[in-house]
Amino acid sequence: MELTIQGTKIFANTGGQAFDAAKPVIILVHGAGMSHAVWGQQTRFLAHHGFSVLAIDLPGHGRSEGEAIASIEGLGDFIAELIQESGAEKAVICGHSMGALACLQTASSHGDKVAGLILCGMAASMPVHPDLLAAAEANDIRAAKLVASWGHGGPAHKGGNIAHGVWMIGAAIRLIDQSKPGVLFADMAACNAYQGAIAAAGQVSCPVLMIQGTLDKMAPPKAAQPLLEAFEHCDRAIIEGSGHMMMAEAPDATREAIFDFVGEMSQQG
């Protein structure tokens, strides 16, 4: 499915089902240098179990046109525009890493469009090492390799993919390396510069779920504690043995956490 936002064509995977804005809507937002493909193990299930799903490629990423948005604030505004353009009155927004920061910003600044907020692999701040920023700015494949290596927990380095014969680390390197020149750097620079997470959390009024992996080296669970305290109320799902890329490392547990959260919201609503 394609949507046009500010004259730019944006791609969204609907999980094999026609998008229907009258159903409960879930928008899945990827992290730095990635695309909708990271949600492959969640999108189809949700789309076939009562939800309309948009797993999007942010501008400049994947199959979407345009340039990468250079700030988390800008990404937050973009997601709000996407919800409106989709025809949905409100949506549950679920983001990973940079996408989580963006979704938090959306829920804070455009709360009237957000029914629920799911944050995967996020901390109160997400600084990026200068050497990694430099490699990304130079479009050096070492940046992709570092992100893939640090982004997966130890077990994922030894196999463990539910898709037989697919190497998680190699797939992540390939996905990031396929991004357009400058995109990974723009994303990482945006994460590095953003200091508004705690203040934004204090402005969120919708239900919130935080999903974290015990082996996450990029956003360790303990680094999210200030955020948990800043939210009015926040549920938490801890996935044992998973690193930062829980959607691939622990796809079933991640899917179940999302599905249980939105299902409980539907019953309450």
C-alpha atoms as a PDB file:
ATOM      1  CA  MET A   1       0.000   0.000   0.000  1.00  0.00           C
ATOM      2  CA  GLU A   2       1.165   3.532  -0.738  1.00  0.00           C
ATOM      3  CA  LEU A   3       0.204   6.783   0.967  1.00  0.00           C
ATOM      4  CA  THR A   4       1.199  10.246  -0.179  1.00  0.00           C
ATOM      5  CA  ILE A   5       2.333  12.584   2.588  1.00  0.00           C
ATOM      6  CA  GLN A   6       3.553  16.079   1.766  1.00  0.00           C
ATOM      7  CA  GLY A   7       3.917  15.003  -1.850  1.00  0.00           C
ATOM      8  CA  THR A   8       6.095  12.012  -0.947  1.00  0.00           C
ATOM      9  CA  LYS A   9       5.072   8.405  -1.639  1.00  0.00           C
ATOM     10  CA  ILE A  10       5.319   6.266   1.491  1.00  0.00           C
ATOM     11  CA  PHE A  11       5.192   2.465   1.400  1.00  0.00           C
ATOM     12  CA  ALA A  12       3.397   0.423   4.033  1.00  0.00           C
ATOM     13  CA  ASN A  13       3.069  -3.353   4.297  1.00  0.00           C
ATOM     14  CA  THR A  14      -0.477  -4.337   5.313  1.00  0.00           C
ATOM     15  CA  GLY A  15       0.266  -7.962   6.198  1.00  0.00           C
ATOM     16  CA  GLY A  16      -1.587  -9.460   3.251  1.00  0.00           C
ATOM     17  CA  GLN A  17      -4.938  -7.976   4.196  1.00  0.00           C
ATOM     18  CA  ALA A  18      -6.655  -4.934   2.700  1.00  0.00           C
ATOM     19  CA  PHE A  19      -6.289  -1.925   4.967  1.00  0.00           C
ATOM     20  CA  ASP A  20      -9.554  -0.906   6.627  1.00  0.00           C
ATOM     21  CA  ALA A  21      -9.420   2.271   8.723  1.00  0.00           C
ATOM     22  CA  ALA A  22     -12.665   1.239  10.451  1.00  0.00           C
ATOM     23  CA  LYS A  23     -10.828  -1.588  12.235  1.00  0.00           C
ATOM     24  CA  PRO A  24      -8.391  -1.020  15.120  1.00  0.00           C
ATOM     25  CA  VAL A  25      -5.236   0.296  13.431  1.00  0.00           C
ATOM     26  CA  ILE A  26      -1.662  -0.574  14.380  1.00  0.00           C
ATOM     27  CA  ILE A  27       1.271   1.290  12.836  1.00  0.00           C
ATOM     28  CA  LEU A  28       4.711  -0.354  13.077  1.00  0.00           C
ATOM     29  CA  VAL A  29       7.759   1.924  12.833  1.00  0.00           C
ATOM     30  CA  HIS A  30      11.277   0.592  12.216  1.00  0.00           C
ATOM     31  CA  GLY A  31      14.586   1.740  13.648  1.00  0.00           C
ATOM     32  CA  ALA A  32      17.684   3.444  12.226  1.00  0.00           C
ATOM     33  CA  GLY A  33      18.728   2.400   8.727  1.00  0.00           C
ATOM     34  CA  MET A  34      16.068  -0.291   8.528  1.00  0.00           C
ATOM     35  CA  SER A  35      12.658  -0.811   6.896  1.00  0.00           C
ATOM     36  CA  HIS A  36       9.248  -2.429   7.339  1.00  0.00           C
ATOM     37  CA  ALA A  37      10.963  -5.805   6.807  1.00  0.00           C
ATOM     38  CA  VAL A  38      12.027  -5.973  10.477  1.00  0.00           C
ATOM     39  CA  TRP A  39       8.369  -6.540  11.443  1.00  0.00           C
ATOM     40  CA  GLY A  40       7.934  -9.522   9.111  1.00  0.00           C
ATOM     41  CA  GLN A  41       7.127 -11.957  11.926  1.00  0.00           C
ATOM     42  CA  GLN A  42       4.480  -9.688  13.477  1.00  0.00           C
ATOM     43  CA  THR A  43       2.722  -7.865  10.611  1.00  0.00           C
ATOM     44  CA  ARG A  44       0.909 -10.775   9.005  1.00  0.00           C
ATOM     45  CA  PHE A  45      -0.305 -12.256  12.295  1.00  0.00           C
ATOM     46  CA  LEU A  46      -1.792  -8.979  13.488  1.00  0.00           C
ATOM     47  CA  ALA A  47      -3.401  -8.336  10.091  1.00  0.00           C
ATOM     48  CA  HIS A  48      -5.125 -11.727  10.224  1.00  0.00           C
ATOM     49  CA  HIS A  49      -6.352 -11.344  13.792  1.00  0.00           C
ATOM     50  CA  GLY A  50      -8.673  -8.378  13.665  1.00  0.00           C
ATOM     51  CA  PHE A  51      -6.351  -5.416  13.110  1.00  0.00           C
ATOM     52  CA  SER A  52      -5.493  -3.178  10.188  1.00  0.00           C
ATOM     53  CA  VAL A  53      -1.707  -2.921  10.032  1.00  0.00           C
ATOM     54  CA  LEU A  54       0.661  -0.455   8.415  1.00  0.00           C
ATOM     55  CA  ALA A  55       4.303  -1.525   8.744  1.00  0.00           C
ATOM     56  CA  ILE A  56       5.811   1.580   7.192  1.00  0.00           C
ATOM     57  CA  ASP A  57       9.036   2.557   5.485  1.00  0.00           C
ATOM     58  CA  LEU A  58       9.926   6.001   6.817  1.00  0.00           C
ATOM     59  CA  PRO A  59      10.855   8.622   4.182  1.00  0.00           C
ATOM     60  CA  GLY A  60      14.107   7.740   2.453  1.00  0.00           C
ATOM     61  CA  HIS A  61      13.984   4.159   3.729  1.00  0.00           C
ATOM     62  CA  GLY A  62      13.060   0.901   2.038  1.00  0.00           C
ATOM     63  CA  ARG A  63      10.511   1.458  -0.715  1.00  0.00           C
ATOM     64  CA  SER A  64       9.505   4.974   0.368  1.00  0.00           C
ATOM     65  CA  GLU A  65      10.554   8.066  -1.537  1.00  0.00           C
ATOM     66  CA  GLY A  66      11.982  11.294  -0.134  1.00  0.00           C
ATOM     67  CA  GLU A  67      14.830  12.085   2.210  1.00  0.00           C
ATOM     68  CA  ALA A  68      15.388  10.790   5.736  1.00  0.00           C
ATOM     69  CA  ILE A  69      13.820  13.088   8.334  1.00  0.00           C
ATOM     70  CA  ALA A  70      16.653  14.600  10.358  1.00  0.00           C
ATOM     71  CA  SER A  71      15.062  14.874  13.819  1.00  0.00           C
ATOM     72  CA  ILE A  72      12.931  12.834  16.207  1.00  0.00           C
ATOM     73  CA  GLU A  73      10.540  15.770  16.487  1.00  0.00           C
ATOM     74  CA  GLY A  74      10.136  15.746  12.700  1.00  0.00           C
ATOM     75  CA  LEU A  75       9.527  12.002  12.709  1.00  0.00           C
ATOM     76  CA  GLY A  76       6.882  12.431  15.404  1.00  0.00           C
ATOM     77  CA  ASP A  77       5.030  14.961  13.270  1.00  0.00           C
ATOM     78  CA  PHE A  78       5.344  12.700  10.223  1.00  0.00           C
ATOM     79  CA  ILE A  79       3.718   9.749  12.009  1.00  0.00           C
ATOM     80  CA  ALA A  80       0.823  11.977  13.082  1.00  0.00           C
ATOM     81  CA  GLU A  81       0.324  13.028   9.447  1.00  0.00           C
ATOM     82  CA  LEU A  82       0.444   9.396   8.359  1.00  0.00           C
ATOM     83  CA  ILE A  83      -2.310   8.451  10.816  1.00  0.00           C
ATOM     84  CA  GLN A  84      -4.478  11.228   9.440  1.00  0.00           C
ATOM     85  CA  GLU A  85      -3.731  10.335   5.816  1.00  0.00           C
ATOM     86  CA  SER A  86      -4.605   6.673   6.464  1.00  0.00           C
ATOM     87  CA  GLY A  87      -8.155   7.660   7.344  1.00  0.00           C
ATOM     88  CA  ALA A  88      -7.933   6.308  10.879  1.00  0.00           C
ATOM     89  CA  GLU A  89      -9.314   8.410  13.688  1.00  0.00           C
ATOM     90  CA  LYS A  90      -6.645   7.028  16.028  1.00  0.00           C
ATOM     91  CA  ALA A  91      -3.987   4.321  15.906  1.00  0.00           C
ATOM     92  CA  VAL A  92      -1.865   2.242  18.212  1.00  0.00           C
ATOM     93  CA  ILE A  93       1.712   3.135  17.285  1.00  0.00           C
ATOM     94  CA  CYS A  94       4.523   0.665  17.878  1.00  0.00           C
ATOM     95  CA  GLY A  95       8.124   1.674  17.304  1.00  0.00           C
ATOM     96  CA  HIS A  96      11.504   0.039  17.615  1.00  0.00           C
ATOM     97  CA  SER A  97      14.639   1.932  18.736  1.00  0.00           C
ATOM     98  CA  MET A  98      14.652   5.181  16.712  1.00  0.00           C
ATOM     99  CA  GLY A  99      11.073   4.351  15.746  1.00  0.00           C
ATOM    100  CA  ALA A 100      10.203   4.108  19.433  1.00  0.00           C
ATOM    101  CA  LEU A 101      11.590   7.591  20.070  1.00  0.00           C
ATOM    102  CA  ALA A 102       9.531   8.853  17.136  1.00  0.00           C
ATOM    103  CA  CYS A 103       6.352   7.169  18.367  1.00  0.00           C
ATOM    104  CA  LEU A 104       6.884   8.579  21.859  1.00  0.00           C
ATOM    105  CA  GLN A 105       7.195  12.040  20.341  1.00  0.00           C
ATOM    106  CA  THR A 106       3.982  11.502  18.370  1.00  0.00           C
ATOM    107  CA  ALA A 107       2.057  10.386  21.456  1.00  0.00           C
ATOM    108  CA  SER A 108       3.362  13.402  23.356  1.00  0.00           C
ATOM    109  CA  SER A 109       2.715  16.065  20.702  1.00  0.00           C
ATOM    110  CA  HIS A 110      -0.292  14.554  18.894  1.00  0.00           C
ATOM    111  CA  GLY A 111      -2.028  12.583  21.615  1.00  0.00           C
ATOM    112  CA  ASP A 112      -5.454  13.022  20.012  1.00  0.00           C
ATOM    113  CA  LYS A 113      -4.330  10.679  17.201  1.00  0.00           C
ATOM    114  CA  VAL A 114      -2.815   7.953  19.402  1.00  0.00           C
ATOM    115  CA  ALA A 115      -4.885   5.188  21.016  1.00  0.00           C
ATOM    116  CA  GLY A 116      -1.915   3.325  22.486  1.00  0.00           C
ATOM    117  CA  LEU A 117       1.888   3.403  22.498  1.00  0.00           C
ATOM    118  CA  ILE A 118       4.283   0.433  22.287  1.00  0.00           C
ATOM    119  CA  LEU A 119       8.014   1.039  22.689  1.00  0.00           C
ATOM    120  CA  CYS A 120      10.464  -1.730  21.725  1.00  0.00           C
ATOM    121  CA  GLY A 121      14.149  -1.537  22.608  1.00  0.00           C
ATOM    122  CA  MET A 122      14.149   1.995  23.971  1.00  0.00           C
ATOM    123  CA  ALA A 123      15.970   3.828  26.740  1.00  0.00           C
ATOM    124  CA  ALA A 124      15.566   7.267  28.320  1.00  0.00           C
ATOM    125  CA  SER A 125      18.350   8.508  26.040  1.00  0.00           C
ATOM    126  CA  MET A 126      19.980   6.769  23.076  1.00  0.00           C
ATOM    127  CA  PRO A 127      23.441   8.280  22.438  1.00  0.00           C
ATOM    128  CA  VAL A 128      25.572   6.956  19.589  1.00  0.00           C
ATOM    129  CA  HIS A 129      29.337   6.450  19.877  1.00  0.00           C
ATOM    130  CA  PRO A 130      31.313   8.992  17.812  1.00  0.00           C
ATOM    131  CA  ASP A 131      33.173   6.211  15.980  1.00  0.00           C
ATOM    132  CA  LEU A 132      29.884   4.630  14.883  1.00  0.00           C
ATOM    133  CA  LEU A 133      28.563   8.021  13.776  1.00  0.00           C
ATOM    134  CA  ALA A 134      31.748   8.602  11.780  1.00  0.00           C
ATOM    135  CA  ALA A 135      31.491   5.205  10.079  1.00  0.00           C
ATOM    136  CA  ALA A 136      27.844   5.859   9.224  1.00  0.00           C
ATOM    137  CA  GLU A 137      28.669   9.320   7.853  1.00  0.00           C
ATOM    138  CA  ALA A 138      31.314   7.752   5.633  1.00  0.00           C
ATOM    139  CA  ASN A 139      28.806   5.109   4.457  1.00  0.00           C
ATOM    140  CA  ASP A 140      31.291   2.509   5.680  1.00  0.00           C
ATOM    141  CA  ILE A 141      29.870  -1.002   5.931  1.00  0.00           C
ATOM    142  CA  ARG A 142      31.530  -1.247   9.342  1.00  0.00           C
ATOM    143  CA  ALA A 143      28.637   0.828  10.666  1.00  0.00           C
ATOM    144  CA  ALA A 144      26.133  -1.796   9.540  1.00  0.00           C
ATOM    145  CA  LYS A 145      28.295  -4.556  10.992  1.00  0.00           C
ATOM    146  CA  LEU A 146      28.591  -2.794  14.351  1.00  0.00           C
ATOM    147  CA  VAL A 147      24.854  -2.146  14.569  1.00  0.00           C
ATOM    148  CA  ALA A 148      24.039  -5.746  13.656  1.00  0.00           C
ATOM    149  CA  SER A 149      26.573  -7.169  16.085  1.00  0.00           C
ATOM    150  CA  TRP A 150      25.611  -5.010  19.062  1.00  0.00           C
ATOM    151  CA  GLY A 151      21.943  -5.160  18.169  1.00  0.00           C
ATOM    152  CA  HIS A 152      21.655  -8.920  18.661  1.00  0.00           C
ATOM    153  CA  GLY A 153      22.103 -10.851  21.878  1.00  0.00           C
ATOM    154  CA  GLY A 154      24.650 -13.641  22.216  1.00  0.00           C
ATOM    155  CA  PRO A 155      22.293 -16.490  21.248  1.00  0.00           C
ATOM    156  CA  ALA A 156      21.465 -14.795  17.930  1.00  0.00           C
ATOM    157  CA  HIS A 157      25.160 -14.858  17.010  1.00  0.00           C
ATOM    158  CA  LYS A 158      25.000 -18.645  17.090  1.00  0.00           C
ATOM    159  CA  GLY A 159      21.800 -19.168  15.099  1.00  0.00           C
ATOM    160  CA  GLY A 160      18.317 -19.459  16.512  1.00  0.00           C
ATOM    161  CA  ASN A 161      16.323 -17.952  13.642  1.00  0.00           C
ATOM    162  CA  ILE A 162      12.860 -19.519  13.337  1.00  0.00           C
ATOM    163  CA  ALA A 163      13.326 -19.255   9.559  1.00  0.00           C
ATOM    164  CA  HIS A 164      15.560 -22.228   8.768  1.00  0.00           C
ATOM    165  CA  GLY A 165      18.888 -21.360   7.149  1.00  0.00           C
ATOM    166  CA  VAL A 166      18.599 -17.585   7.625  1.00  0.00           C
ATOM    167  CA  TRP A 167      21.415 -15.876   9.557  1.00  0.00           C
ATOM    168  CA  MET A 168      20.012 -13.018  11.631  1.00  0.00           C
ATOM    169  CA  ILE A 169      23.266 -11.046  11.824  1.00  0.00           C
ATOM    170  CA  GLY A 170      23.935 -11.307   8.100  1.00  0.00           C
ATOM    171  CA  ALA A 171      20.354 -10.352   7.250  1.00  0.00           C
ATOM    172  CA  ALA A 172      20.592  -7.245   9.445  1.00  0.00           C
ATOM    173  CA  ILE A 173      23.905  -6.190   7.884  1.00  0.00           C
ATOM    174  CA  ARG A 174      22.443  -6.607   4.412  1.00  0.00           C
ATOM    175  CA  LEU A 175      19.294  -4.645   5.274  1.00  0.00           C
ATOM    176  CA  ILE A 176      21.217  -1.698   6.741  1.00  0.00           C
ATOM    177  CA  ASP A 177      23.820  -1.712   3.967  1.00  0.00           C
ATOM    178  CA  GLN A 178      21.035  -1.489   1.371  1.00  0.00           C
ATOM    179  CA  SER A 179      19.852   1.836   2.788  1.00  0.00           C
ATOM    180  CA  LYS A 180      20.551   4.953   0.738  1.00  0.00           C
ATOM    181  CA  PRO A 181      23.811   6.842   1.389  1.00  0.00           C
ATOM    182  CA  GLY A 182      23.495   9.122   4.394  1.00  0.00           C
ATOM    183  CA  VAL A 183      20.309   7.543   5.763  1.00  0.00           C
ATOM    184  CA  LEU A 184      21.890   5.583   8.614  1.00  0.00           C
ATOM    185  CA  PHE A 185      23.920   8.634   9.636  1.00  0.00           C
ATOM    186  CA  ALA A 186      20.844  10.910   9.576  1.00  0.00           C
ATOM    187  CA  ASP A 187      18.932   8.419  11.731  1.00  0.00           C
ATOM    188  CA  MET A 188      21.714   7.942  14.240  1.00  0.00           C
ATOM    189  CA  ALA A 189      22.422  11.655  14.466  1.00  0.00           C
ATOM    190  CA  ALA A 190      18.722  12.223  15.213  1.00  0.00           C
ATOM    191  CA  CYS A 191      18.802   9.645  18.020  1.00  0.00           C
ATOM    192  CA  ASN A 192      22.036  11.078  19.402  1.00  0.00           C
ATOM    193  CA  ALA A 193      20.639  14.618  19.472  1.00  0.00           C
ATOM    194  CA  TYR A 194      17.249  13.827  21.019  1.00  0.00           C
ATOM    195  CA  GLN A 195      17.029  14.695  24.699  1.00  0.00           C
ATOM    196  CA  GLY A 196      13.279  15.007  25.087  1.00  0.00           C
ATOM    197  CA  ALA A 197      12.191  11.476  25.959  1.00  0.00           C
ATOM    198  CA  ILE A 198      11.517  11.939  29.682  1.00  0.00           C
ATOM    199  CA  ALA A 199       9.656  15.214  29.157  1.00  0.00           C
ATOM    200  CA  ALA A 200       7.646  13.623  26.354  1.00  0.00           C
ATOM    201  CA  ALA A 201       6.744  10.626  28.520  1.00  0.00           C
ATOM    202  CA  GLY A 202       5.253  12.961  31.082  1.00  0.00           C
ATOM    203  CA  GLN A 203       2.841  14.278  28.416  1.00  0.00           C
ATOM    204  CA  VAL A 204       1.526  10.871  27.298  1.00  0.00           C
ATOM    205  CA  SER A 205      -2.004  10.012  28.391  1.00  0.00           C
ATOM    206  CA  CYS A 206      -2.733   6.832  26.392  1.00  0.00           C
ATOM    207  CA  PRO A 207      -1.920   3.248  27.532  1.00  0.00           C
ATOM    208  CA  VAL A 208       1.795   2.415  27.160  1.00  0.00           C
ATOM    209  CA  LEU A 209       3.709  -0.863  26.828  1.00  0.00           C
ATOM    210  CA  MET A 210       7.487  -1.121  26.900  1.00  0.00           C
ATOM    211  CA  ILE A 211       9.052  -4.296  25.436  1.00  0.00           C
ATOM    212  CA  GLN A 212      12.669  -4.982  26.391  1.00  0.00           C
ATOM    213  CA  GLY A 213      15.209  -7.747  25.935  1.00  0.00           C
ATOM    214  CA  THR A 214      17.336  -8.852  28.866  1.00  0.00           C
ATOM    215  CA  LEU A 215      20.437  -8.985  26.622  1.00  0.00           C
ATOM    216  CA  ASP A 216      19.892  -5.611  24.939  1.00  0.00           C
ATOM    217  CA  LYS A 217      23.251  -3.796  24.868  1.00  0.00           C
ATOM    218  CA  MET A 218      21.922  -0.771  22.969  1.00  0.00           C
ATOM    219  CA  ALA A 219      19.030  -0.019  25.304  1.00  0.00           C
ATOM    220  CA  PRO A 220      19.496  -2.081  28.486  1.00  0.00           C
ATOM    221  CA  PRO A 221      16.332  -2.479  30.584  1.00  0.00           C
ATOM    222  CA  LYS A 222      17.897  -0.539  33.465  1.00  0.00           C
ATOM    223  CA  ALA A 223      18.413   2.456  31.140  1.00  0.00           C
ATOM    224  CA  ALA A 224      14.648   2.675  30.668  1.00  0.00           C
ATOM    225  CA  GLN A 225      13.884   3.122  34.366  1.00  0.00           C
ATOM    226  CA  PRO A 226      13.623   6.951  34.212  1.00  0.00           C
ATOM    227  CA  LEU A 227      11.088   6.561  31.403  1.00  0.00           C
ATOM    228  CA  LEU A 228       9.020   4.047  33.336  1.00  0.00           C
ATOM    229  CA  GLU A 229       8.852   6.497  36.210  1.00  0.00           C
ATOM    230  CA  ALA A 230       7.932   9.404  33.916  1.00  0.00           C
ATOM    231  CA  PHE A 231       4.880   7.728  32.384  1.00  0.00           C
ATOM    232  CA  GLU A 232       1.600   8.026  34.236  1.00  0.00           C
ATOM    233  CA  HIS A 233       1.206   4.279  33.736  1.00  0.00           C
ATOM    234  CA  CYS A 234       3.345   1.890  31.724  1.00  0.00           C
ATOM    235  CA  ASP A 235       3.154  -1.881  31.362  1.00  0.00           C
ATOM    236  CA  ARG A 236       6.383  -3.750  30.763  1.00  0.00           C
ATOM    237  CA  ALA A 237       7.205  -6.975  28.918  1.00  0.00           C
ATOM    238  CA  ILE A 238      10.687  -8.393  29.492  1.00  0.00           C
ATOM    239  CA  ILE A 239      11.886 -10.949  26.946  1.00  0.00           C
ATOM    240  CA  GLU A 240      14.498 -13.305  28.367  1.00  0.00           C
ATOM    241  CA  GLY A 241      17.502 -14.057  26.177  1.00  0.00           C
ATOM    242  CA  SER A 242      16.768 -11.390  23.558  1.00  0.00           C
ATOM    243  CA  GLY A 243      18.912  -8.470  22.515  1.00  0.00           C
ATOM    244  CA  HIS A 244      17.880  -5.203  20.879  1.00  0.00           C
ATOM    245  CA  MET A 245      16.333  -6.859  17.804  1.00  0.00           C
ATOM    246  CA  MET A 246      13.581  -8.691  19.656  1.00  0.00           C
ATOM    247  CA  MET A 247      11.282  -8.742  16.603  1.00  0.00           C
ATOM    248  CA  ALA A 248      13.705 -11.173  14.927  1.00  0.00           C
ATOM    249  CA  GLU A 249      15.372 -12.759  17.965  1.00  0.00           C
ATOM    250  CA  ALA A 250      12.141 -13.516  19.825  1.00  0.00           C
ATOM    251  CA  PRO A 251       9.396 -13.029  17.219  1.00  0.00           C
ATOM    252  CA  ASP A 252       6.723 -15.067  18.988  1.00  0.00           C
ATOM    253  CA  ALA A 253       7.231 -13.402  22.383  1.00  0.00           C
ATOM    254  CA  THR A 254       7.281  -9.960  20.766  1.00  0.00           C
ATOM    255  CA  ARG A 255       4.138 -10.678  18.764  1.00  0.00           C
ATOM    256  CA  GLU A 256       2.351 -12.031  21.823  1.00  0.00           C
ATOM    257  CA  ALA A 257       3.268  -8.986  23.916  1.00  0.00           C
ATOM    258  CA  ILE A 258       1.911  -6.638  21.229  1.00  0.00           C
ATOM    259  CA  PHE A 259      -1.212  -8.715  20.636  1.00  0.00           C
ATOM    260  CA  ASP A 260      -2.024  -9.095  24.329  1.00  0.00           C
ATOM    261  CA  PHE A 261      -1.618  -5.359  24.878  1.00  0.00           C
ATOM    262  CA  VAL A 262      -3.846  -4.263  21.986  1.00  0.00           C
ATOM    263  CA  GLY A 263      -6.337  -7.018  22.805  1.00  0.00           C
ATOM    264  CA  GLU A 264      -6.637  -5.803  26.393  1.00  0.00           C
ATOM    265  CA  MET A 265      -7.045  -2.250  25.116  1.00  0.00           C
ATOM    266  CA  SER A 266      -9.881  -3.379  22.831  1.00  0.00           C
ATOM    267  CA  GLN A 267     -11.689  -5.055  25.725  1.00  0.00           C
ATOM    268  CA  GLN A 268     -11.337  -1.945  27.897  1.00  0.00           C
ATOM    269  CA  GLY A 269     -12.430   0.340  25.074  1.00  0.00           C
END
